[in-house]
PDB file of N, CA and C in Angstrom:
ATOM      1  N   MET A   1       9.561 -32.683  14.165  1.00  0.00           N
ATOM      2  CA  MET A   1       8.527 -31.778  13.733  1.00  0.00           C
ATOM      3  C   MET A   1       8.358 -31.898  12.228  1.00  0.00           C
ATOM      4  N   SER A   2       7.143 -32.134  11.763  1.00  0.00           N
ATOM      5  CA  SER A   2       6.963 -32.261  10.321  1.00  0.00           C
ATOM      6  C   SER A   2       6.457 -30.930   9.771  1.00  0.00           C
ATOM      7  N   GLY A   3       6.687 -30.719   8.489  1.00  0.00           N
ATOM      8  CA  GLY A   3       6.351 -29.544   7.803  1.00  0.00           C
ATOM      9  C   GLY A   3       4.841 -29.596   7.425  1.00  0.00           C
ATOM     10  N   LEU A   4       4.409 -28.543   6.829  1.00  0.00           N
ATOM     11  CA  LEU A   4       3.008 -28.391   6.446  1.00  0.00           C
ATOM     12  C   LEU A   4       2.686 -29.276   5.255  1.00  0.00           C
ATOM     13  N   GLY A   5       3.711 -29.597   4.448  1.00  0.00           N
ATOM     14  CA  GLY A   5       3.498 -30.388   3.274  1.00  0.00           C
ATOM     15  C   GLY A   5       3.318 -29.400   2.064  1.00  0.00           C
ATOM     16  N   SER A   6       2.768 -29.974   0.981  1.00  0.00           N
ATOM     17  CA  SER A   6       2.587 -29.135  -0.177  1.00  0.00           C
ATOM     18  C   SER A   6       1.274 -29.563  -0.853  1.00  0.00           C
ATOM     19  N   GLY A   7       0.863 -28.756  -1.789  1.00  0.00           N
ATOM     20  CA  GLY A   7      -0.372 -29.069  -2.508  1.00  0.00           C
ATOM     21  C   GLY A   7      -1.489 -28.043  -2.202  1.00  0.00           C
ATOM     22  N   TRP A   8      -2.582 -28.424  -2.746  1.00  0.00           N
ATOM     23  CA  TRP A   8      -3.750 -27.539  -2.655  1.00  0.00           C
ATOM     24  C   TRP A   8      -4.267 -27.476  -1.228  1.00  0.00           C
ATOM     25  N   GLY A   9      -4.178 -28.526  -0.479  1.00  0.00           N
ATOM     26  CA  GLY A   9      -4.717 -28.523   0.905  1.00  0.00           C
ATOM     27  C   GLY A   9      -3.945 -27.577   1.758  1.00  0.00           C
ATOM     28  N   THR A  10      -2.666 -27.547   1.613  1.00  0.00           N
ATOM     29  CA  THR A  10      -1.809 -26.586   2.436  1.00  0.00           C
ATOM     30  C   THR A  10      -2.063 -25.177   1.961  1.00  0.00           C
ATOM     31  N   ALA A  11      -2.213 -24.915   0.675  1.00  0.00           N
ATOM     32  CA  ALA A  11      -2.538 -23.603   0.173  1.00  0.00           C
ATOM     33  C   ALA A  11      -3.857 -23.135   0.750  1.00  0.00           C
ATOM     34  N   ALA A  12      -4.855 -23.959   0.741  1.00  0.00           N
ATOM     35  CA  ALA A  12      -6.179 -23.632   1.293  1.00  0.00           C
ATOM     36  C   ALA A  12      -6.080 -23.331   2.759  1.00  0.00           C
ATOM     37  N   LEU A  13      -5.312 -24.084   3.506  1.00  0.00           N
ATOM     38  CA  LEU A  13      -5.108 -23.875   4.912  1.00  0.00           C
ATOM     39  C   LEU A  13      -4.500 -22.479   5.179  1.00  0.00           C
ATOM     40  N   ILE A  14      -3.455 -22.185   4.442  1.00  0.00           N
ATOM     41  CA  ILE A  14      -2.799 -20.881   4.600  1.00  0.00           C
ATOM     42  C   ILE A  14      -3.724 -19.743   4.304  1.00  0.00           C
ATOM     43  N   ILE A  15      -4.476 -19.868   3.193  1.00  0.00           N
ATOM     44  CA  ILE A  15      -5.417 -18.775   2.798  1.00  0.00           C
ATOM     45  C   ILE A  15      -6.506 -18.626   3.893  1.00  0.00           C
ATOM     46  N   ALA A  16      -7.005 -19.740   4.412  1.00  0.00           N
ATOM     47  CA  ALA A  16      -8.011 -19.695   5.428  1.00  0.00           C
ATOM     48  C   ALA A  16      -7.493 -19.005   6.713  1.00  0.00           C
ATOM     49  N   ILE A  17      -6.276 -19.289   7.089  1.00  0.00           N
ATOM     50  CA  ILE A  17      -5.659 -18.688   8.248  1.00  0.00           C
ATOM     51  C   ILE A  17      -5.469 -17.164   8.020  1.00  0.00           C
ATOM     52  N   ALA A  18      -5.060 -16.850   6.786  1.00  0.00           N
ATOM     53  CA  ALA A  18      -4.844 -15.404   6.486  1.00  0.00           C
ATOM     54  C   ALA A  18      -6.163 -14.634   6.504  1.00  0.00           C
ATOM     55  N   ILE A  19      -7.184 -15.282   5.999  1.00  0.00           N
ATOM     56  CA  ILE A  19      -8.524 -14.610   6.013  1.00  0.00           C
ATOM     57  C   ILE A  19      -9.080 -14.446   7.469  1.00  0.00           C
ATOM     58  N   LEU A  20      -8.850 -15.490   8.218  1.00  0.00           N
ATOM     59  CA  LEU A  20      -9.373 -15.369   9.633  1.00  0.00           C
ATOM     60  C   LEU A  20      -8.536 -14.370  10.460  1.00  0.00           C
ATOM     61  N   ALA A  21      -7.286 -14.149  10.069  1.00  0.00           N
ATOM     62  CA  ALA A  21      -6.450 -13.206  10.828  1.00  0.00           C
ATOM     63  C   ALA A  21      -6.766 -11.807  10.420  1.00  0.00           C
ATOM     64  N   HIS A  22      -7.127 -11.585   9.152  1.00  0.00           N
ATOM     65  CA  HIS A  22      -7.283 -10.137   8.617  1.00  0.00           C
ATOM     66  C   HIS A  22      -8.673  -9.646   8.493  1.00  0.00           C
ATOM     67  N   GLU A  23      -9.566 -10.484   8.132  1.00  0.00           N
ATOM     68  CA  GLU A  23     -10.913  -9.990   7.867  1.00  0.00           C
ATOM     69  C   GLU A  23     -11.621  -9.364   9.042  1.00  0.00           C
ATOM     70  N   PRO A  24     -11.562  -9.967  10.236  1.00  0.00           N
ATOM     71  CA  PRO A  24     -12.213  -9.291  11.368  1.00  0.00           C
ATOM     72  C   PRO A  24     -11.793  -7.906  11.588  1.00  0.00           C
ATOM     73  N   TRP A  25     -10.518  -7.583  11.378  1.00  0.00           N
ATOM     74  CA  TRP A  25      -9.965  -6.238  11.575  1.00  0.00           C
ATOM     75  C   TRP A  25     -10.494  -5.295  10.486  1.00  0.00           C
ATOM     76  N   ARG A  26     -10.600  -5.795   9.311  1.00  0.00           N
ATOM     77  CA  ARG A  26     -11.177  -4.937   8.242  1.00  0.00           C
ATOM     78  C   ARG A  26     -12.680  -4.626   8.523  1.00  0.00           C
ATOM     79  N   TRP A  27     -13.391  -5.581   8.938  1.00  0.00           N
ATOM     80  CA  TRP A  27     -14.824  -5.299   9.277  1.00  0.00           C
ATOM     81  C   TRP A  27     -14.909  -4.358  10.449  1.00  0.00           C
ATOM     82  N   LEU A  28     -14.047  -4.565  11.455  1.00  0.00           N
ATOM     83  CA  LEU A  28     -14.092  -3.673  12.632  1.00  0.00           C
ATOM     84  C   LEU A  28     -13.727  -2.220  12.181  1.00  0.00           C
ATOM     85  N   GLY A  29     -12.733  -2.066  11.332  1.00  0.00           N
ATOM     86  CA  GLY A  29     -12.405  -0.762  10.833  1.00  0.00           C
ATOM     87  C   GLY A  29     -13.522  -0.146  10.028  1.00  0.00           C
ATOM     88  N   LEU A  30     -14.233  -0.913   9.279  1.00  0.00           N
ATOM     89  CA  LEU A  30     -15.387  -0.461   8.548  1.00  0.00           C
ATOM     90  C   LEU A  30     -16.481  -0.007   9.485  1.00  0.00           C
ATOM     91  N   TYR A  31     -16.692  -0.787  10.582  1.00  0.00           N
ATOM     92  CA  TYR A  31     -17.771  -0.424  11.535  1.00  0.00           C
ATOM     93  C   TYR A  31     -17.378   0.865  12.303  1.00  0.00           C
ATOM     94  N   VAL A  32     -16.152   0.956  12.766  1.00  0.00           N
ATOM     95  CA  VAL A  32     -15.660   2.069  13.553  1.00  0.00           C
ATOM     96  C   VAL A  32     -15.590   3.308  12.710  1.00  0.00           C
ATOM     97  N   GLY A  33     -15.168   3.190  11.468  1.00  0.00           N
ATOM     98  CA  GLY A  33     -14.923   4.354  10.621  1.00  0.00           C
ATOM     99  C   GLY A  33     -16.075   4.861   9.864  1.00  0.00           C
ATOM    100  N   ARG A  34     -17.266   4.209  10.001  1.00  0.00           N
ATOM    101  CA  ARG A  34     -18.440   4.585   9.176  1.00  0.00           C
ATOM    102  C   ARG A  34     -18.870   5.981   9.461  1.00  0.00           C
ATOM    103  N   ASP A  35     -18.641   6.523  10.657  1.00  0.00           N
ATOM    104  CA  ASP A  35     -19.137   7.870  10.983  1.00  0.00           C
ATOM    105  C   ASP A  35     -17.998   8.896  11.003  1.00  0.00           C
ATOM    106  N   LEU A  36     -16.844   8.541  10.493  1.00  0.00           N
ATOM    107  CA  LEU A  36     -15.723   9.458  10.446  1.00  0.00           C
ATOM    108  C   LEU A  36     -15.999  10.565   9.395  1.00  0.00           C
ATOM    109  N   ASP A  37     -15.762  11.773   9.786  1.00  0.00           N
ATOM    110  CA  ASP A  37     -15.909  12.897   8.855  1.00  0.00           C
ATOM    111  C   ASP A  37     -14.579  13.099   8.088  1.00  0.00           C
ATOM    112  N   ILE A  38     -14.565  12.869   6.810  1.00  0.00           N
ATOM    113  CA  ILE A  38     -13.367  12.966   6.083  1.00  0.00           C
ATOM    114  C   ILE A  38     -12.777  14.381   6.022  1.00  0.00           C
ATOM    115  N   ASP A  39     -13.551  15.358   6.332  1.00  0.00           N
ATOM    116  CA  ASP A  39     -13.102  16.764   6.398  1.00  0.00           C
ATOM    117  C   ASP A  39     -12.774  17.189   7.820  1.00  0.00           C
ATOM    118  N   GLY A  40     -12.892  16.240   8.810  1.00  0.00           N
ATOM    119  CA  GLY A  40     -12.660  16.547  10.210  1.00  0.00           C
ATOM    120  C   GLY A  40     -11.240  16.682  10.534  1.00  0.00           C
ATOM    121  N   VAL A  41     -11.012  17.165  11.731  1.00  0.00           N
ATOM    122  CA  VAL A  41      -9.656  17.362  12.286  1.00  0.00           C
ATOM    123  C   VAL A  41      -8.865  16.059  12.408  1.00  0.00           C
ATOM    124  N   LEU A  42      -9.498  15.019  12.885  1.00  0.00           N
ATOM    125  CA  LEU A  42      -8.829  13.740  13.038  1.00  0.00           C
ATOM    126  C   LEU A  42      -8.338  13.215  11.658  1.00  0.00           C
ATOM    127  N   PHE A  43      -9.238  13.194  10.696  1.00  0.00           N
ATOM    128  CA  PHE A  43      -8.860  12.681   9.369  1.00  0.00           C
ATOM    129  C   PHE A  43      -7.788  13.518   8.682  1.00  0.00           C
ATOM    130  N   ARG A  44      -7.800  14.786   8.857  1.00  0.00           N
ATOM    131  CA  ARG A  44      -6.812  15.682   8.317  1.00  0.00           C
ATOM    132  C   ARG A  44      -5.461  15.421   8.958  1.00  0.00           C
ATOM    133  N   TRP A  45      -5.481  15.113  10.279  1.00  0.00           N
ATOM    134  CA  TRP A  45      -4.243  14.825  10.986  1.00  0.00           C
ATOM    135  C   TRP A  45      -3.662  13.503  10.532  1.00  0.00           C
ATOM    136  N   VAL A  46      -4.481  12.504  10.336  1.00  0.00           N
ATOM    137  CA  VAL A  46      -4.047  11.185   9.832  1.00  0.00           C
ATOM    138  C   VAL A  46      -3.461  11.325   8.426  1.00  0.00           C
ATOM    139  N   ARG A  47      -4.088  12.113   7.634  1.00  0.00           N
ATOM    140  CA  ARG A  47      -3.605  12.342   6.205  1.00  0.00           C
ATOM    141  C   ARG A  47      -2.274  13.069   6.290  1.00  0.00           C
ATOM    142  N   ALA A  48      -2.111  14.075   7.193  1.00  0.00           N
ATOM    143  CA  ALA A  48      -0.863  14.772   7.302  1.00  0.00           C
ATOM    144  C   ALA A  48       0.285  13.857   7.813  1.00  0.00           C
ATOM    145  N   VAL A  49      -0.021  13.040   8.791  1.00  0.00           N
ATOM    146  CA  VAL A  49       0.997  12.050   9.221  1.00  0.00           C
ATOM    147  C   VAL A  49       1.427  11.061   8.144  1.00  0.00           C
ATOM    148  N   ALA A  50       0.437  10.578   7.381  1.00  0.00           N
ATOM    149  CA  ALA A  50       0.772   9.634   6.311  1.00  0.00           C
ATOM    150  C   ALA A  50       1.597  10.335   5.274  1.00  0.00           C
ATOM    151  N   THR A  51       1.245  11.554   4.910  1.00  0.00           N
ATOM    152  CA  THR A  51       2.041  12.346   3.940  1.00  0.00           C
ATOM    153  C   THR A  51       3.467  12.547   4.407  1.00  0.00           C
ATOM    154  N   ALA A  52       3.593  12.896   5.703  1.00  0.00           N
ATOM    155  CA  ALA A  52       4.892  13.137   6.273  1.00  0.00           C
ATOM    156  C   ALA A  52       5.771  11.843   6.229  1.00  0.00           C
ATOM    157  N   MET A  53       5.159  10.776   6.501  1.00  0.00           N
ATOM    158  CA  MET A  53       5.876   9.485   6.494  1.00  0.00           C
ATOM    159  C   MET A  53       6.358   9.115   5.078  1.00  0.00           C
ATOM    160  N   VAL A  54       5.522   9.351   4.019  1.00  0.00           N
ATOM    161  CA  VAL A  54       5.927   9.133   2.701  1.00  0.00           C
ATOM    162  C   VAL A  54       7.043  10.055   2.295  1.00  0.00           C
ATOM    163  N   ALA A  55       6.935  11.355   2.686  1.00  0.00           N
ATOM    164  CA  ALA A  55       7.961  12.271   2.381  1.00  0.00           C
ATOM    165  C   ALA A  55       9.314  11.912   3.020  1.00  0.00           C
ATOM    166  N   GLY A  56       9.245  11.425   4.280  1.00  0.00           N
ATOM    167  CA  GLY A  56      10.424  10.979   4.919  1.00  0.00           C
ATOM    168  C   GLY A  56      11.086   9.771   4.259  1.00  0.00           C
ATOM    169  N   LEU A  57      10.239   8.841   3.813  1.00  0.00           N
ATOM    170  CA  LEU A  57      10.776   7.702   3.093  1.00  0.00           C
ATOM    171  C   LEU A  57      11.414   8.060   1.752  1.00  0.00           C
ATOM    172  N   VAL A  58      10.782   8.989   1.061  1.00  0.00           N
ATOM    173  CA  VAL A  58      11.343   9.443  -0.236  1.00  0.00           C
ATOM    174  C   VAL A  58      12.709  10.136   0.001  1.00  0.00           C
ATOM    175  N   MET A  59      12.765  10.959   1.024  1.00  0.00           N
ATOM    176  CA  MET A  59      14.044  11.640   1.343  1.00  0.00           C
ATOM    177  C   MET A  59      15.119  10.622   1.751  1.00  0.00           C
ATOM    178  N   ARG A  60      14.752   9.650   2.523  1.00  0.00           N
ATOM    179  CA  ARG A  60      15.675   8.582   2.959  1.00  0.00           C
ATOM    180  C   ARG A  60      16.242   7.860   1.693  1.00  0.00           C
ATOM    181  N   LEU A  61      15.349   7.511   0.776  1.00  0.00           N
ATOM    182  CA  LEU A  61      15.787   6.805  -0.422  1.00  0.00           C
ATOM    183  C   LEU A  61      16.625   7.711  -1.290  1.00  0.00           C
ATOM    184  N   LEU A  62      16.373   9.044  -1.291  1.00  0.00           N
ATOM    185  CA  LEU A  62      17.111   9.986  -2.094  1.00  0.00           C
ATOM    186  C   LEU A  62      18.481  10.201  -1.536  1.00  0.00           C
ATOM    187  N   VAL A  63      18.627  10.382  -0.247  1.00  0.00           N
ATOM    188  CA  VAL A  63      19.872  10.801   0.443  1.00  0.00           C
ATOM    189  C   VAL A  63      20.679   9.543   0.842  1.00  0.00           C
ATOM    190  N   PHE A  64      19.989   8.515   1.331  1.00  0.00           N
ATOM    191  CA  PHE A  64      20.663   7.291   1.824  1.00  0.00           C
ATOM    192  C   PHE A  64      20.090   6.081   1.134  1.00  0.00           C
ATOM    193  N   PRO A  65      20.371   5.933  -0.140  1.00  0.00           N
ATOM    194  CA  PRO A  65      19.735   4.772  -0.884  1.00  0.00           C
ATOM    195  C   PRO A  65      20.312   3.411  -0.452  1.00  0.00           C
ATOM    196  N   ALA A  66      19.500   2.425  -0.699  1.00  0.00           N
ATOM    197  CA  ALA A  66      19.893   1.036  -0.383  1.00  0.00           C
ATOM    198  C   ALA A  66      19.783   0.215  -1.667  1.00  0.00           C
ATOM    199  N   GLY A  67      20.465  -0.901  -1.679  1.00  0.00           N
ATOM    200  CA  GLY A  67      20.302  -1.817  -2.795  1.00  0.00           C
ATOM    201  C   GLY A  67      20.864  -1.266  -4.048  1.00  0.00           C
ATOM    202  N   ALA A  68      20.118  -1.534  -5.123  1.00  0.00           N
ATOM    203  CA  ALA A  68      20.527  -1.124  -6.479  1.00  0.00           C
ATOM    204  C   ALA A  68      20.560   0.385  -6.604  1.00  0.00           C
ATOM    205  N   LEU A  69      19.733   1.061  -5.900  1.00  0.00           N
ATOM    206  CA  LEU A  69      19.651   2.550  -5.950  1.00  0.00           C
ATOM    207  C   LEU A  69      20.941   3.184  -5.419  1.00  0.00           C
ATOM    208  N   ALA A  70      21.690   2.467  -4.615  1.00  0.00           N
ATOM    209  CA  ALA A  70      22.947   3.041  -4.092  1.00  0.00           C
ATOM    210  C   ALA A  70      23.994   3.219  -5.128  1.00  0.00           C
ATOM    211  N   GLY A  71      23.858   2.487  -6.224  1.00  0.00           N
ATOM    212  CA  GLY A  71      24.832   2.647  -7.341  1.00  0.00           C
ATOM    213  C   GLY A  71      24.483   3.744  -8.274  1.00  0.00           C
ATOM    214  N   VAL A  72      23.327   4.361  -8.093  1.00  0.00           N
ATOM    215  CA  VAL A  72      22.935   5.473  -8.992  1.00  0.00           C
ATOM    216  C   VAL A  72      23.478   6.747  -8.460  1.00  0.00           C
ATOM    217  N   PRO A  73      24.083   7.593  -9.341  1.00  0.00           N
ATOM    218  CA  PRO A  73      24.670   8.824  -8.871  1.00  0.00           C
ATOM    219  C   PRO A  73      23.627   9.786  -8.250  1.00  0.00           C
ATOM    220  N   MET A  74      24.022  10.586  -7.294  1.00  0.00           N
ATOM    221  CA  MET A  74      23.118  11.480  -6.578  1.00  0.00           C
ATOM    222  C   MET A  74      22.505  12.494  -7.584  1.00  0.00           C
ATOM    223  N   ALA A  75      23.236  12.941  -8.544  1.00  0.00           N
ATOM    224  CA  ALA A  75      22.646  13.923  -9.519  1.00  0.00           C
ATOM    225  C   ALA A  75      21.528  13.267 -10.265  1.00  0.00           C
ATOM    226  N   LEU A  76      21.594  12.005 -10.600  1.00  0.00           N
ATOM    227  CA  LEU A  76      20.540  11.376 -11.366  1.00  0.00           C
ATOM    228  C   LEU A  76      19.335  11.150 -10.430  1.00  0.00           C
ATOM    229  N   ARG A  77      19.566  10.790  -9.188  1.00  0.00           N
ATOM    230  CA  ARG A  77      18.470  10.616  -8.255  1.00  0.00           C
ATOM    231  C   ARG A  77      17.714  11.922  -8.100  1.00  0.00           C
ATOM    232  N   LEU A  78      18.498  13.033  -7.932  1.00  0.00           N
ATOM    233  CA  LEU A  78      17.864  14.378  -7.782  1.00  0.00           C
ATOM    234  C   LEU A  78      17.083  14.740  -9.072  1.00  0.00           C
ATOM    235  N   ALA A  79      17.626  14.427 -10.232  1.00  0.00           N
ATOM    236  CA  ALA A  79      16.937  14.784 -11.480  1.00  0.00           C
ATOM    237  C   ALA A  79      15.656  13.964 -11.609  1.00  0.00           C
ATOM    238  N   ALA A  80      15.697  12.726 -11.210  1.00  0.00           N
ATOM    239  CA  ALA A  80      14.487  11.855 -11.258  1.00  0.00           C
ATOM    240  C   ALA A  80      13.428  12.321 -10.261  1.00  0.00           C
ATOM    241  N   PHE A  81      13.909  12.822  -9.156  1.00  0.00           N
ATOM    242  CA  PHE A  81      12.985  13.345  -8.109  1.00  0.00           C
ATOM    243  C   PHE A  81      12.294  14.632  -8.604  1.00  0.00           C
ATOM    244  N   ALA A  82      13.088  15.521  -9.166  1.00  0.00           N
ATOM    245  CA  ALA A  82      12.544  16.785  -9.760  1.00  0.00           C
ATOM    246  C   ALA A  82      11.576  16.533 -10.875  1.00  0.00           C
ATOM    247  N   ALA A  83      11.958  15.569 -11.714  1.00  0.00           N
ATOM    248  CA  ALA A  83      11.100  15.253 -12.846  1.00  0.00           C
ATOM    249  C   ALA A  83       9.782  14.643 -12.359  1.00  0.00           C
ATOM    250  N   GLY A  84       9.889  13.805 -11.339  1.00  0.00           N
ATOM    251  CA  GLY A  84       8.648  13.239 -10.795  1.00  0.00           C
ATOM    252  C   GLY A  84       7.707  14.272 -10.220  1.00  0.00           C
ATOM    253  N   ILE A  85       8.277  15.235  -9.520  1.00  0.00           N
ATOM    254  CA  ILE A  85       7.429  16.299  -8.981  1.00  0.00           C
ATOM    255  C   ILE A  85       6.841  17.195 -10.079  1.00  0.00           C
ATOM    256  N   ALA A  86       7.678  17.473 -11.123  1.00  0.00           N
ATOM    257  CA  ALA A  86       7.152  18.253 -12.250  1.00  0.00           C
ATOM    258  C   ALA A  86       6.049  17.547 -12.967  1.00  0.00           C
ATOM    259  N   VAL A  87       6.191  16.259 -13.246  1.00  0.00           N
ATOM    260  CA  VAL A  87       5.132  15.492 -13.915  1.00  0.00           C
ATOM    261  C   VAL A  87       3.868  15.414 -13.007  1.00  0.00           C
ATOM    262  N   PHE A  88       4.081  15.224 -11.709  1.00  0.00           N
ATOM    263  CA  PHE A  88       2.930  15.217 -10.775  1.00  0.00           C
ATOM    264  C   PHE A  88       2.053  16.446 -10.890  1.00  0.00           C
ATOM    265  N   TYR A  89       2.725  17.580 -10.853  1.00  0.00           N
ATOM    266  CA  TYR A  89       1.930  18.827 -10.984  1.00  0.00           C
ATOM    267  C   TYR A  89       1.391  19.080 -12.436  1.00  0.00           C
ATOM    268  N   ALA A  90       2.176  18.683 -13.441  1.00  0.00           N
ATOM    269  CA  ALA A  90       1.729  18.833 -14.790  1.00  0.00           C
ATOM    270  C   ALA A  90       0.503  17.974 -15.090  1.00  0.00           C
ATOM    271  N   ALA A  91       0.411  16.867 -14.477  1.00  0.00           N
ATOM    272  CA  ALA A  91      -0.691  15.933 -14.627  1.00  0.00           C
ATOM    273  C   ALA A  91      -1.795  16.163 -13.686  1.00  0.00           C
ATOM    274  N   ARG A  92      -1.910  17.353 -13.188  1.00  0.00           N
ATOM    275  CA  ARG A  92      -2.977  17.788 -12.254  1.00  0.00           C
ATOM    276  C   ARG A  92      -2.977  16.904 -10.967  1.00  0.00           C
ATOM    277  N   ARG A  93      -1.793  16.822 -10.342  1.00  0.00           N
ATOM    278  CA  ARG A  93      -1.570  16.141  -9.075  1.00  0.00           C
ATOM    279  C   ARG A  93      -1.919  14.671  -9.151  1.00  0.00           C
ATOM    280  N   ASN A  94      -1.508  14.018 -10.226  1.00  0.00           N
ATOM    281  CA  ASN A  94      -1.709  12.572 -10.434  1.00  0.00           C
ATOM    282  C   ASN A  94      -0.485  11.846  -9.927  1.00  0.00           C
ATOM    283  N   LEU A  95      -0.597  11.119  -8.829  1.00  0.00           N
ATOM    284  CA  LEU A  95       0.479  10.454  -8.148  1.00  0.00           C
ATOM    285  C   LEU A  95       1.144   9.383  -9.121  1.00  0.00           C
ATOM    286  N   ALA A  96       0.266   8.595  -9.764  1.00  0.00           N
ATOM    287  CA  ALA A  96       0.792   7.574 -10.637  1.00  0.00           C
ATOM    288  C   ALA A  96       1.605   8.149 -11.744  1.00  0.00           C
ATOM    289  N   ALA A  97       1.178   9.305 -12.283  1.00  0.00           N
ATOM    290  CA  ALA A  97       1.927  10.018 -13.356  1.00  0.00           C
ATOM    291  C   ALA A  97       3.256  10.473 -12.840  1.00  0.00           C
ATOM    292  N   GLY A  98       3.257  11.016 -11.599  1.00  0.00           N
ATOM    293  CA  GLY A  98       4.537  11.500 -11.025  1.00  0.00           C
ATOM    294  C   GLY A  98       5.521  10.412 -10.779  1.00  0.00           C
ATOM    295  N   VAL A  99       5.051   9.293 -10.223  1.00  0.00           N
ATOM    296  CA  VAL A  99       5.947   8.155 -10.010  1.00  0.00           C
ATOM    297  C   VAL A  99       6.463   7.604 -11.330  1.00  0.00           C
ATOM    298  N   ALA A 100       5.619   7.532 -12.337  1.00  0.00           N
ATOM    299  CA  ALA A 100       6.044   7.013 -13.671  1.00  0.00           C
ATOM    300  C   ALA A 100       7.063   7.994 -14.317  1.00  0.00           C
ATOM    301  N   GLY A 101       6.847   9.246 -14.188  1.00  0.00           N
ATOM    302  CA  GLY A 101       7.788  10.239 -14.720  1.00  0.00           C
ATOM    303  C   GLY A 101       9.163  10.181 -14.042  1.00  0.00           C
ATOM    304  N   GLY A 102       9.182  10.092 -12.746  1.00  0.00           N
ATOM    305  CA  GLY A 102      10.427   9.929 -12.072  1.00  0.00           C
ATOM    306  C   GLY A 102      11.176   8.624 -12.407  1.00  0.00           C
ATOM    307  N   ALA A 103      10.354   7.594 -12.462  1.00  0.00           N
ATOM    308  CA  ALA A 103      10.946   6.259 -12.772  1.00  0.00           C
ATOM    309  C   ALA A 103      11.511   6.321 -14.234  1.00  0.00           C
ATOM    310  N   ALA A 104      10.789   6.966 -15.129  1.00  0.00           N
ATOM    311  CA  ALA A 104      11.283   7.023 -16.484  1.00  0.00           C
ATOM    312  C   ALA A 104      12.620   7.772 -16.600  1.00  0.00           C
ATOM    313  N   VAL A 105      12.757   8.848 -15.883  1.00  0.00           N
ATOM    314  CA  VAL A 105      14.067   9.605 -15.848  1.00  0.00           C
ATOM    315  C   VAL A 105      15.110   8.763 -15.241  1.00  0.00           C
ATOM    316  N   LEU A 106      14.821   8.004 -14.191  1.00  0.00           N
ATOM    317  CA  LEU A 106      15.757   7.148 -13.531  1.00  0.00           C
ATOM    318  C   LEU A 106      16.202   6.077 -14.473  1.00  0.00           C
ATOM    319  N   ILE A 107      15.324   5.409 -15.238  1.00  0.00           N
ATOM    320  CA  ILE A 107      15.668   4.340 -16.146  1.00  0.00           C
ATOM    321  C   ILE A 107      16.483   4.891 -17.319  1.00  0.00           C
ATOM    322  N   ALA A 108      16.009   5.968 -17.890  1.00  0.00           N
ATOM    323  CA  ALA A 108      16.726   6.621 -19.037  1.00  0.00           C
ATOM    324  C   ALA A 108      18.121   7.063 -18.590  1.00  0.00           C
ATOM    325  N   GLY A 109      18.232   7.633 -17.426  1.00  0.00           N
ATOM    326  CA  GLY A 109      19.519   8.054 -16.899  1.00  0.00           C
ATOM    327  C   GLY A 109      20.495   6.861 -16.670  1.00  0.00           C
ATOM    328  N   GLY A 110      19.854   5.704 -16.292  1.00  0.00           N
ATOM    329  CA  GLY A 110      20.634   4.523 -16.147  1.00  0.00           C
ATOM    330  C   GLY A 110      21.306   4.034 -17.403  1.00  0.00           C
ATOM    331  N   TYR A 111      20.646   4.259 -18.524  1.00  0.00           N
ATOM    332  CA  TYR A 111      21.194   3.841 -19.817  1.00  0.00           C
ATOM    333  C   TYR A 111      22.206   4.860 -20.287  1.00  0.00           C
ATOM    334  N   ILE A 112      22.052   6.153 -19.936  1.00  0.00           N
ATOM    335  CA  ILE A 112      22.953   7.175 -20.364  1.00  0.00           C
ATOM    336  C   ILE A 112      24.247   7.179 -19.600  1.00  0.00           C
ATOM    337  N   VAL A 113      24.103   7.087 -18.251  1.00  0.00           N
ATOM    338  CA  VAL A 113      25.255   7.145 -17.354  1.00  0.00           C
ATOM    339  C   VAL A 113      25.991   5.870 -17.330  1.00  0.00           C
TER     340      VAL A 113
END
């Protein structure tokens, strides 16, 4: 069995396959979701489930870290978490600011500890 090879032709083939695999679903989602009420019960439920999944992932990373985060002391992880939440609310619920604040505390704590 031979490989795909290399070069621009192979890259173009992979990109074409990726587009053909993903684009129809995006267009179908656009078509189906065009009449969704963003203040409706279904949309609120989806938002709540997504928020719960993110919260669960954050708690898993905080309590049972993997990889490089496993070497960081629990106190530093908790401090970074608290700082991230504080910056999130101080920046008028700006998620990027909260993540950046928590990461800054984690990085600074890595240099101190």
